[in-house]
Each structure stands twice: as C-alpha cells, then as structure tokens.
C-alpha cells in the first residue's frame, strides 16, 4: 500500500513538472492552476488509466480537462 501511494505521488509530481515545462510555468504555478481547474483531482481519480500512458499524453489530457473547466492555458 505504501509503495502504491509513493508511486501515485511520484507520478503526480512528474506530471506537474512536465505541465510546468510545457507551458513555461514555475512548478508551484502549475500546481495551483491544475488544482483550480481540476487537474490534480483528475490525476488522483484517473491514476489507474493515466499512468499507463506516456507523460506527454497525460499532460495533453490535463490541458484539455483544464480548458473544459475554464482554464485559459492552451
């Protein structure tokens, strides 16, 4: 159980970092944006499926989801 939690945390941190890199943001800004527009909840709730995809696909999914929830980052 502890290992799975660590994997989920690591995955979330990596996704936030890659999102920040793609959209030229500080990781803290990326976290706040993802939290505001549902991306963090999405990563938590969809981990079982999303972690099987590439990080690039996960970041694409995050960007799409956040736009649908009112985010302005393209």
C-alpha atoms as a PDB file:
ATOM      1  CA  UNK A   1       0.000   0.000   0.000  1.00  0.00           C
ATOM      2  CA  UNK A   2       2.779   2.427   0.905  1.00  0.00           C
ATOM      3  CA  UNK A   3       4.571   1.693  -2.381  1.00  0.00           C
ATOM      4  CA  UNK A   4       1.422   2.413  -4.399  1.00  0.00           C
ATOM      5  CA  UNK A   5       0.944   5.708  -2.592  1.00  0.00           C
ATOM      6  CA  UNK A   6       4.585   6.638  -3.292  1.00  0.00           C
ATOM      7  CA  UNK A   7       4.091   5.754  -6.978  1.00  0.00           C
ATOM      8  CA  UNK A   8       0.982   7.946  -7.147  1.00  0.00           C
ATOM      9  CA  UNK A   9       2.780  10.852  -5.519  1.00  0.00           C
ATOM     10  CA  UNK A  10       5.802  10.485  -7.792  1.00  0.00           C
ATOM     11  CA  UNK A  11       3.561  10.314 -10.862  1.00  0.00           C
ATOM     12  CA  UNK A  12       1.663  13.428  -9.818  1.00  0.00           C
ATOM     13  CA  UNK A  13       4.873  15.366  -9.178  1.00  0.00           C
ATOM     14  CA  UNK A  14       6.264  14.332 -12.575  1.00  0.00           C
ATOM     15  CA  UNK A  15       3.048  15.360 -14.353  1.00  0.00           C
ATOM     16  CA  UNK A  16       3.020  18.739 -12.619  1.00  0.00           C
ATOM     17  CA  UNK A  17       6.660  19.291 -13.584  1.00  0.00           C
ATOM     18  CA  UNK A  18       6.080  18.346 -17.204  1.00  0.00           C
ATOM     19  CA  UNK A  19       2.971  20.533 -17.350  1.00  0.00           C
ATOM     20  CA  UNK A  20       5.023  23.423 -15.956  1.00  0.00           C
ATOM     21  CA  UNK A  21       7.764  22.849 -18.521  1.00  0.00           C
ATOM     22  CA  UNK A  22       5.372  22.637 -21.442  1.00  0.00           C
ATOM     23  CA  UNK A  23       3.570  25.843 -20.535  1.00  0.00           C
ATOM     24  CA  UNK A  24       6.640  27.726 -19.284  1.00  0.00           C
ATOM     25  CA  UNK A  25       5.441  27.992 -15.687  1.00  0.00           C
ATOM     26  CA  UNK A  26       7.033  27.577 -12.294  1.00  0.00           C
ATOM     27  CA  UNK A  27       6.006  24.184 -10.820  1.00  0.00           C
ATOM     28  CA  UNK A  28       4.130  25.951  -7.995  1.00  0.00           C
ATOM     29  CA  UNK A  29       2.134  27.954 -10.557  1.00  0.00           C
ATOM     30  CA  UNK A  30       1.380  24.751 -12.461  1.00  0.00           C
ATOM     31  CA  UNK A  31       0.195  23.060  -9.263  1.00  0.00           C
ATOM     32  CA  UNK A  32      -2.105  25.985  -8.418  1.00  0.00           C
ATOM     33  CA  UNK A  33      -3.511  26.050 -11.960  1.00  0.00           C
ATOM     34  CA  UNK A  34      -4.087  22.296 -12.000  1.00  0.00           C
ATOM     35  CA  UNK A  35      -5.700  22.418  -8.583  1.00  0.00           C
ATOM     36  CA  UNK A  36      -8.008  25.276  -9.573  1.00  0.00           C
ATOM     37  CA  UNK A  37      -9.164  23.651 -12.809  1.00  0.00           C
ATOM     38  CA  UNK A  38      -9.479  20.041 -11.657  1.00  0.00           C
ATOM     39  CA  UNK A  39      -6.213  18.616 -12.920  1.00  0.00           C
ATOM     40  CA  UNK A  40      -4.974  17.393  -9.540  1.00  0.00           C
ATOM     41  CA  UNK A  41      -8.274  15.635  -8.858  1.00  0.00           C
ATOM     42  CA  UNK A  42      -8.107  14.146 -12.353  1.00  0.00           C
ATOM     43  CA  UNK A  43      -4.630  12.743 -11.718  1.00  0.00           C
ATOM     44  CA  UNK A  44      -5.771  11.257  -8.421  1.00  0.00           C
ATOM     45  CA  UNK A  45      -9.020   9.816  -9.751  1.00  0.00           C
ATOM     46  CA  UNK A  46      -7.649   8.571 -13.087  1.00  0.00           C
ATOM     47  CA  UNK A  47      -4.271   7.278 -11.956  1.00  0.00           C
ATOM     48  CA  UNK A  48      -5.026   3.655 -12.841  1.00  0.00           C
ATOM     49  CA  UNK A  49      -5.514   4.521 -16.514  1.00  0.00           C
ATOM     50  CA  UNK A  50      -3.358   7.615 -16.910  1.00  0.00           C
ATOM     51  CA  UNK A  51      -0.130   6.169 -15.530  1.00  0.00           C
ATOM     52  CA  UNK A  52      -0.193   3.610 -18.337  1.00  0.00           C
ATOM     53  CA  UNK A  53       0.063   6.405 -20.905  1.00  0.00           C
ATOM     54  CA  UNK A  54       3.088   8.495 -21.748  1.00  0.00           C
ATOM     55  CA  UNK A  55       3.686  11.589 -19.663  1.00  0.00           C
ATOM     56  CA  UNK A  56       3.127  13.657 -22.818  1.00  0.00           C
ATOM     57  CA  UNK A  57      -0.341  12.108 -23.217  1.00  0.00           C
ATOM     58  CA  UNK A  58      -1.107  12.760 -19.559  1.00  0.00           C
ATOM     59  CA  UNK A  59      -0.107  16.423 -19.940  1.00  0.00           C
ATOM     60  CA  UNK A  60      -2.286  16.652 -23.068  1.00  0.00           C
ATOM     61  CA  UNK A  61      -5.201  15.225 -21.075  1.00  0.00           C
ATOM     62  CA  UNK A  62      -4.577  17.682 -18.239  1.00  0.00           C
ATOM     63  CA  UNK A  63      -4.543  20.630 -20.635  1.00  0.00           C
ATOM     64  CA  UNK A  64      -7.800  19.503 -22.267  1.00  0.00           C
ATOM     65  CA  UNK A  65      -9.508  18.939 -18.926  1.00  0.00           C
ATOM     66  CA  UNK A  66      -8.415  22.283 -17.505  1.00  0.00           C
ATOM     67  CA  UNK A  67      -9.612  24.131 -20.631  1.00  0.00           C
ATOM     68  CA  UNK A  68     -13.003  22.433 -20.286  1.00  0.00           C
ATOM     69  CA  UNK A  69     -13.102  23.632 -16.678  1.00  0.00           C
ATOM     70  CA  UNK A  70     -12.362  27.255 -17.540  1.00  0.00           C
ATOM     71  CA  UNK A  71      -8.569  27.313 -17.740  1.00  0.00           C
ATOM     72  CA  UNK A  72      -7.032  29.583 -20.355  1.00  0.00           C
ATOM     73  CA  UNK A  73      -3.687  27.881 -20.963  1.00  0.00           C
ATOM     74  CA  UNK A  74      -3.541  26.383 -24.429  1.00  0.00           C
END
